[in-house]
Amino acid sequence: MALRCLVFRGLVKEAEEEINKFLTTHRVNVLHMAQSESGDHVSVTLIVEEPKPLSEEGF
């Protein structure tokens, strides 16, 4: 399984929309999430695990 680190930055609503878009279009397990704020902007960091494709699992 592969680990990826993703950072979403912007206004709160923009970051929320981008995170939701990513999570609905990718099959991942979220292992860790961190958030920081600066003024009216937010940064959200996700560490995700991508499952192996079925072809690599021998199915």
C-alpha atoms as a PDB file:
ATOM      1  CA  MET A   1       0.000   0.000   0.000  1.00  0.00           C
ATOM      2  CA  ALA A   2       1.216   3.459  -0.870  1.00  0.00           C
ATOM      3  CA  LEU A   3       1.193   6.458   1.482  1.00  0.00           C
ATOM      4  CA  ARG A   4       0.530   9.971   0.203  1.00  0.00           C
ATOM      5  CA  CYS A   5       0.601  13.348   1.885  1.00  0.00           C
ATOM      6  CA  LEU A   6      -1.812  15.964   0.543  1.00  0.00           C
ATOM      7  CA  VAL A   7      -2.126  19.624   1.542  1.00  0.00           C
ATOM      8  CA  PHE A   8      -5.266  21.671   0.866  1.00  0.00           C
ATOM      9  CA  ARG A   9      -5.030  25.453   1.333  1.00  0.00           C
ATOM     10  CA  GLY A  10      -7.484  28.306   0.943  1.00  0.00           C
ATOM     11  CA  LEU A  11     -10.560  29.816   2.457  1.00  0.00           C
ATOM     12  CA  VAL A  12     -12.346  27.372   4.720  1.00  0.00           C
ATOM     13  CA  LYS A  13     -15.181  26.690   2.260  1.00  0.00           C
ATOM     14  CA  GLU A  14     -12.741  26.246  -0.660  1.00  0.00           C
ATOM     15  CA  ALA A  15     -10.559  23.788   1.273  1.00  0.00           C
ATOM     16  CA  GLU A  16     -13.637  21.873   2.419  1.00  0.00           C
ATOM     17  CA  GLU A  17     -14.899  21.566  -1.178  1.00  0.00           C
ATOM     18  CA  GLU A  18     -11.496  20.379  -2.444  1.00  0.00           C
ATOM     19  CA  ILE A  19     -11.174  17.781   0.324  1.00  0.00           C
ATOM     20  CA  ASN A  20     -14.694  16.477  -0.320  1.00  0.00           C
ATOM     21  CA  LYS A  21     -14.015  16.322  -4.066  1.00  0.00           C
ATOM     22  CA  PHE A  22     -10.804  14.354  -3.474  1.00  0.00           C
ATOM     23  CA  LEU A  23     -12.401  11.921  -1.027  1.00  0.00           C
ATOM     24  CA  THR A  24     -15.356  11.184  -3.317  1.00  0.00           C
ATOM     25  CA  THR A  25     -13.109  10.482  -6.318  1.00  0.00           C
ATOM     26  CA  HIS A  26     -10.347   8.441  -4.641  1.00  0.00           C
ATOM     27  CA  ARG A  27     -10.454   5.193  -2.699  1.00  0.00           C
ATOM     28  CA  VAL A  28      -8.169   5.906   0.268  1.00  0.00           C
ATOM     29  CA  ASN A  29      -7.913   5.368   4.006  1.00  0.00           C
ATOM     30  CA  VAL A  30      -7.233   8.596   5.914  1.00  0.00           C
ATOM     31  CA  LEU A  31      -4.513   7.834   8.466  1.00  0.00           C
ATOM     32  CA  HIS A  32      -3.948  11.331   9.845  1.00  0.00           C
ATOM     33  CA  MET A  33      -5.333  14.829   9.420  1.00  0.00           C
ATOM     34  CA  ALA A  34      -3.918  18.117  10.722  1.00  0.00           C
ATOM     35  CA  GLN A  35      -5.259  21.647  10.374  1.00  0.00           C
ATOM     36  CA  SER A  36      -3.722  25.081  10.835  1.00  0.00           C
ATOM     37  CA  GLU A  37      -5.248  28.514  10.414  1.00  0.00           C
ATOM     38  CA  SER A  38      -3.843  31.871   9.432  1.00  0.00           C
ATOM     39  CA  GLY A  39      -6.276  34.749   9.261  1.00  0.00           C
ATOM     40  CA  ASP A  40      -9.232  33.619   7.165  1.00  0.00           C
ATOM     41  CA  HIS A  41      -7.258  30.854   5.420  1.00  0.00           C
ATOM     42  CA  VAL A  42      -6.852  27.244   6.482  1.00  0.00           C
ATOM     43  CA  SER A  43      -4.338  24.527   5.620  1.00  0.00           C
ATOM     44  CA  VAL A  44      -5.392  20.903   5.971  1.00  0.00           C
ATOM     45  CA  THR A  45      -2.847  18.115   5.643  1.00  0.00           C
ATOM     46  CA  LEU A  46      -4.014  14.566   5.021  1.00  0.00           C
ATOM     47  CA  ILE A  47      -1.866  11.456   5.147  1.00  0.00           C
ATOM     48  CA  VAL A  48      -3.675   8.756   3.217  1.00  0.00           C
ATOM     49  CA  GLU A  49      -3.067   5.137   2.350  1.00  0.00           C
ATOM     50  CA  GLU A  50      -3.998   3.903  -1.115  1.00  0.00           C
ATOM     51  CA  PRO A  51      -5.011   0.234  -1.291  1.00  0.00           C
ATOM     52  CA  LYS A  52      -3.239  -1.951  -3.831  1.00  0.00           C
ATOM     53  CA  PRO A  53      -5.088  -2.354  -7.130  1.00  0.00           C
ATOM     54  CA  LEU A  54      -6.963  -5.651  -7.354  1.00  0.00           C
ATOM     55  CA  SER A  55      -4.613  -6.785 -10.146  1.00  0.00           C
ATOM     56  CA  GLU A  56      -1.676  -6.675  -7.693  1.00  0.00           C
ATOM     57  CA  GLU A  57      -3.555  -8.736  -5.087  1.00  0.00           C
ATOM     58  CA  GLY A  58      -3.884 -11.714  -7.386  1.00  0.00           C
ATOM     59  CA  PHE A  59      -7.620 -11.466  -8.071  1.00  0.00           C
END
